[in-house]
Amino acid sequence: MFRLLSVLVAIVLFFIWLAPDNHTSIDQTPRVQPLAASLATPIQKEAQNAQAFQIKEYTLQPKAEIHLAARLLSKERYRLGRESDLSPMDLALGWGAMANPQVTEQIQISQSGRWFHWKTDKLPIPRREIERNAANMHIIPANPTVEKQLSRIEEGDIIRLSGQLVDIQSQDGYFWRTSMSREDIGAGACEIIYTTQLDIIPASSYN
């Protein structure tokens, strides 16, 4: 009888120990910092009834709003060519896996001729992932503040950028069209961004 009672007490104590209220809950879900979570594919929203506007002799037609946070992989200033009338600088930007320095330090990145170039002896991530998570963006500063920020940003900075993707044309037949996708590569794959806001995110916000 005593033996049976001991077994019953042991069973009761075991189930009491299993009860949730008697356990310290350990949340093992990975913690994602808000900024890290935002270093994903840029957010794009079609421009509804957006009116074209004029800068110098050029007409800019907004195609979409765009917002992104990304790591600056490279930047290049341009002074020659009609494109530089509006866009004095290109930014090569990376998000997702291409915002990870452990990935990008294995890739040689350069810019020339309004293009973004990369090469590597051994792919650290699949080629398509590199192509989808990095882009060359032609920046048209909308105000002096953005212009000033462009001169300040440095390779490796995390930046937050907002603006409009725009097509450009002039009465003499010149045109320059923006990409509308992060999936394309090659000629025509660069974004033209009329940039209304450009911020450098302090390292303390994402380290």
Protein backbone atom coordinates (compact mmCIF):
# COMPACT_ATOMS: atom_id res chain seq x y z
CA MET A 1 0.00 0.00 0.00
CA PHE A 2 2.79 2.40 0.94
CA ARG A 3 4.57 1.56 -2.30
CA LEU A 4 1.45 2.34 -4.38
CA LEU A 5 0.98 5.63 -2.55
CA SER A 6 4.60 6.62 -3.25
CA VAL A 7 4.12 5.94 -6.95
CA LEU A 8 0.94 8.04 -7.06
CA VAL A 9 2.66 10.96 -5.27
CA ALA A 10 5.57 10.79 -7.70
CA ILE A 11 3.18 10.92 -10.69
CA VAL A 12 1.32 13.91 -9.25
CA LEU A 13 4.57 15.78 -8.57
CA PHE A 14 5.76 15.05 -12.12
CA PHE A 15 2.65 16.63 -13.68
CA ILE A 16 2.84 19.60 -11.32
CA TRP A 17 6.44 20.14 -12.50
CA LEU A 18 5.25 20.08 -16.12
CA ALA A 19 2.62 22.77 -15.55
CA PRO A 20 3.42 26.03 -17.49
CA ASP A 21 3.08 28.23 -14.44
CA ASN A 22 5.93 26.39 -12.77
CA HIS A 23 8.41 26.84 -15.62
CA THR A 24 10.50 29.83 -16.54
CA SER A 25 9.62 30.42 -20.18
CA ILE A 26 12.60 30.76 -22.51
CA ASP A 27 11.76 32.33 -25.84
CA GLN A 28 14.20 30.88 -28.33
CA THR A 29 12.76 32.80 -31.30
CA PRO A 30 15.58 34.73 -32.98
CA ARG A 31 15.35 38.43 -32.27
CA VAL A 32 15.33 40.53 -35.45
CA GLN A 33 16.30 44.14 -35.04
CA PRO A 34 13.85 46.54 -36.73
CA LEU A 35 16.56 47.97 -38.99
CA ALA A 36 17.87 44.52 -39.97
CA ALA A 37 14.33 43.52 -40.88
CA SER A 38 14.03 46.60 -43.07
CA LEU A 39 17.13 45.68 -45.07
CA ALA A 40 14.94 43.61 -47.33
CA THR A 41 13.69 44.22 -50.85
CA PRO A 42 12.88 47.93 -51.32
CA ILE A 43 9.24 48.88 -50.88
CA GLN A 44 7.69 50.15 -54.09
CA LYS A 45 4.21 51.55 -54.66
CA GLU A 46 2.81 52.61 -58.01
CA ALA A 47 2.40 56.38 -58.36
CA GLN A 48 -1.28 57.15 -58.72
CA ASN A 49 -2.15 60.15 -60.93
CA ALA A 50 1.31 61.60 -60.36
CA GLN A 51 1.93 64.78 -62.30
CA ALA A 52 5.04 65.23 -64.42
CA PHE A 53 7.32 68.08 -63.39
CA GLN A 54 10.14 70.05 -64.91
CA ILE A 55 13.81 70.35 -63.94
CA LYS A 56 15.85 72.49 -66.33
CA GLU A 57 14.85 71.38 -69.84
CA TYR A 58 13.86 67.90 -68.64
CA THR A 59 10.40 66.50 -67.87
CA LEU A 60 10.30 63.96 -65.06
CA GLN A 61 7.36 61.54 -64.92
CA PRO A 62 6.95 59.74 -61.58
CA LYS A 63 6.30 56.02 -62.02
CA ALA A 64 6.37 54.77 -58.43
CA GLU A 65 7.23 55.67 -54.87
CA ILE A 66 10.22 53.82 -53.47
CA HIS A 67 11.53 53.42 -49.91
CA LEU A 68 14.52 51.37 -48.87
CA ALA A 69 17.19 50.77 -46.29
CA ALA A 70 20.42 49.33 -47.64
CA ARG A 71 24.17 49.12 -47.24
CA LEU A 72 26.22 51.40 -49.48
CA LEU A 73 28.49 49.11 -51.49
CA SER A 74 30.01 51.85 -53.66
CA LYS A 75 29.33 55.34 -54.97
CA GLU A 76 30.52 57.13 -58.08
CA ARG A 77 30.27 60.80 -59.07
CA TYR A 78 29.69 61.71 -62.72
CA ARG A 79 30.27 65.05 -64.42
CA LEU A 80 30.03 64.16 -68.11
CA GLY A 81 27.00 63.22 -70.19
CA ARG A 82 23.46 64.55 -70.14
CA GLU A 83 22.53 62.24 -67.29
CA SER A 84 24.83 64.19 -64.99
CA ASP A 85 22.72 67.31 -65.61
CA LEU A 86 20.20 65.76 -63.23
CA SER A 87 21.97 62.86 -61.53
CA PRO A 88 25.51 63.65 -60.37
CA MET A 89 25.96 60.39 -58.47
CA ASP A 90 25.18 56.68 -58.65
CA LEU A 91 24.87 54.52 -55.55
CA ALA A 92 25.47 50.77 -55.61
CA LEU A 93 23.26 49.48 -52.82
CA GLY A 94 22.80 46.08 -51.22
CA TRP A 95 20.01 44.65 -49.08
CA GLY A 96 19.18 41.14 -47.85
CA ALA A 97 22.29 38.94 -48.20
CA MET A 98 24.09 41.74 -50.04
CA ALA A 99 23.92 43.92 -46.92
CA ASN A 100 26.04 41.35 -45.09
CA PRO A 101 29.73 42.42 -45.00
CA GLN A 102 30.80 38.77 -44.72
CA VAL A 103 29.27 38.28 -48.16
CA THR A 104 30.32 41.51 -49.85
CA GLU A 105 33.95 41.33 -48.68
CA GLN A 106 34.25 38.30 -50.99
CA ILE A 107 32.94 40.27 -53.99
CA GLN A 108 34.83 42.95 -55.92
CA ILE A 109 32.47 45.85 -56.61
CA SER A 110 33.06 48.80 -58.92
CA GLN A 111 31.16 51.42 -60.93
CA SER A 112 31.81 53.04 -64.29
CA GLY A 113 29.81 54.32 -67.25
CA ARG A 114 26.69 54.55 -65.03
CA TRP A 115 26.96 50.78 -64.46
CA PHE A 116 27.55 48.68 -61.35
CA HIS A 117 30.02 45.81 -61.82
CA TRP A 118 30.86 42.89 -59.59
CA LYS A 119 33.09 39.84 -59.79
CA THR A 120 34.30 37.11 -57.49
CA ASP A 121 36.57 34.07 -57.69
CA LYS A 122 34.03 32.01 -55.77
CA LEU A 123 30.35 32.85 -55.29
CA PRO A 124 29.64 33.34 -51.55
CA ILE A 125 25.90 33.12 -52.28
CA PRO A 126 24.00 32.06 -55.43
CA ARG A 127 24.46 34.41 -58.42
CA ARG A 128 20.73 35.13 -58.65
CA GLU A 129 20.68 36.19 -55.00
CA ILE A 130 23.44 38.73 -55.71
CA GLU A 131 21.50 40.06 -58.71
CA ARG A 132 18.23 40.36 -56.79
CA ASN A 133 19.71 41.96 -53.70
CA ALA A 134 21.88 44.70 -55.17
CA ALA A 135 21.33 47.49 -57.68
CA ASN A 136 22.90 50.55 -59.20
CA MET A 137 20.70 53.59 -58.58
CA HIS A 138 20.97 56.95 -60.36
CA ILE A 139 20.27 59.59 -57.73
CA ILE A 140 18.59 62.91 -58.55
CA PRO A 141 18.78 65.04 -55.38
CA ALA A 142 15.47 66.81 -54.77
CA ASN A 143 16.90 69.36 -52.33
CA PRO A 144 20.20 70.70 -50.89
CA THR A 145 19.92 68.40 -47.85
CA VAL A 146 20.00 65.28 -50.03
CA GLU A 147 22.84 66.78 -52.06
CA LYS A 148 24.82 67.33 -48.87
CA GLN A 149 24.13 63.79 -47.64
CA LEU A 150 25.38 62.35 -50.93
CA SER A 151 28.77 63.92 -50.31
CA ARG A 152 28.87 62.57 -46.74
CA ILE A 153 27.92 58.93 -47.17
CA GLU A 154 30.72 56.38 -47.33
CA GLU A 155 31.07 52.77 -48.39
CA GLY A 156 29.71 50.50 -45.67
CA ASP A 157 27.17 53.01 -44.36
CA ILE A 158 23.61 51.90 -43.84
CA ILE A 159 21.35 54.46 -45.46
CA ARG A 160 17.62 55.02 -45.63
CA LEU A 161 16.31 56.52 -48.85
CA SER A 162 12.91 57.68 -50.08
CA GLY A 163 11.81 59.13 -53.38
CA GLN A 164 10.18 58.47 -56.73
CA LEU A 165 11.22 56.31 -59.62
CA VAL A 166 11.05 58.59 -62.66
CA ASP A 167 11.25 58.48 -66.44
CA ILE A 168 12.97 61.48 -68.04
CA GLN A 169 12.59 63.07 -71.44
CA SER A 170 13.20 66.37 -73.20
CA GLN A 171 11.75 68.05 -76.26
CA ASP A 172 14.80 67.24 -78.39
CA GLY A 173 13.98 63.52 -78.18
CA TYR A 174 16.27 62.58 -75.28
CA PHE A 175 14.86 59.99 -72.89
CA TRP A 176 16.09 58.03 -69.88
CA ARG A 177 13.86 55.34 -68.40
CA THR A 178 13.95 53.86 -64.93
CA SER A 179 13.82 50.20 -64.05
CA MET A 180 10.66 49.23 -62.18
CA SER A 181 11.91 45.89 -60.89
CA ARG A 182 14.64 44.48 -58.65
CA GLU A 183 14.65 41.32 -60.74
CA ASP A 184 16.19 42.67 -63.95
CA ILE A 185 19.85 42.80 -64.97
CA GLY A 186 21.84 44.40 -67.77
CA ALA A 187 20.94 47.47 -69.82
CA GLY A 188 17.96 49.36 -68.41
CA ALA A 189 18.14 47.63 -65.03
CA CYS A 190 19.18 50.72 -63.04
CA GLU A 191 16.72 52.76 -61.05
CA ILE A 192 16.45 56.53 -61.53
CA ILE A 193 15.36 57.98 -58.21
CA TYR A 194 14.22 61.54 -57.60
CA THR A 195 15.43 61.41 -54.01
CA THR A 196 13.49 63.40 -51.44
CA GLN A 197 15.13 61.98 -48.32
CA LEU A 198 18.49 60.37 -47.60
CA ASP A 199 19.61 59.51 -44.09
CA ILE A 200 22.67 57.80 -42.67
CA ILE A 201 21.65 55.33 -39.97
CA PRO A 202 23.98 55.42 -36.92
CA ALA A 203 25.91 52.20 -36.34
CA SER A 204 24.41 51.97 -32.83
CA SER A 205 21.00 51.40 -34.41
CA TYR A 206 21.94 48.12 -36.06
CA ASN A 207 25.01 46.72 -34.25
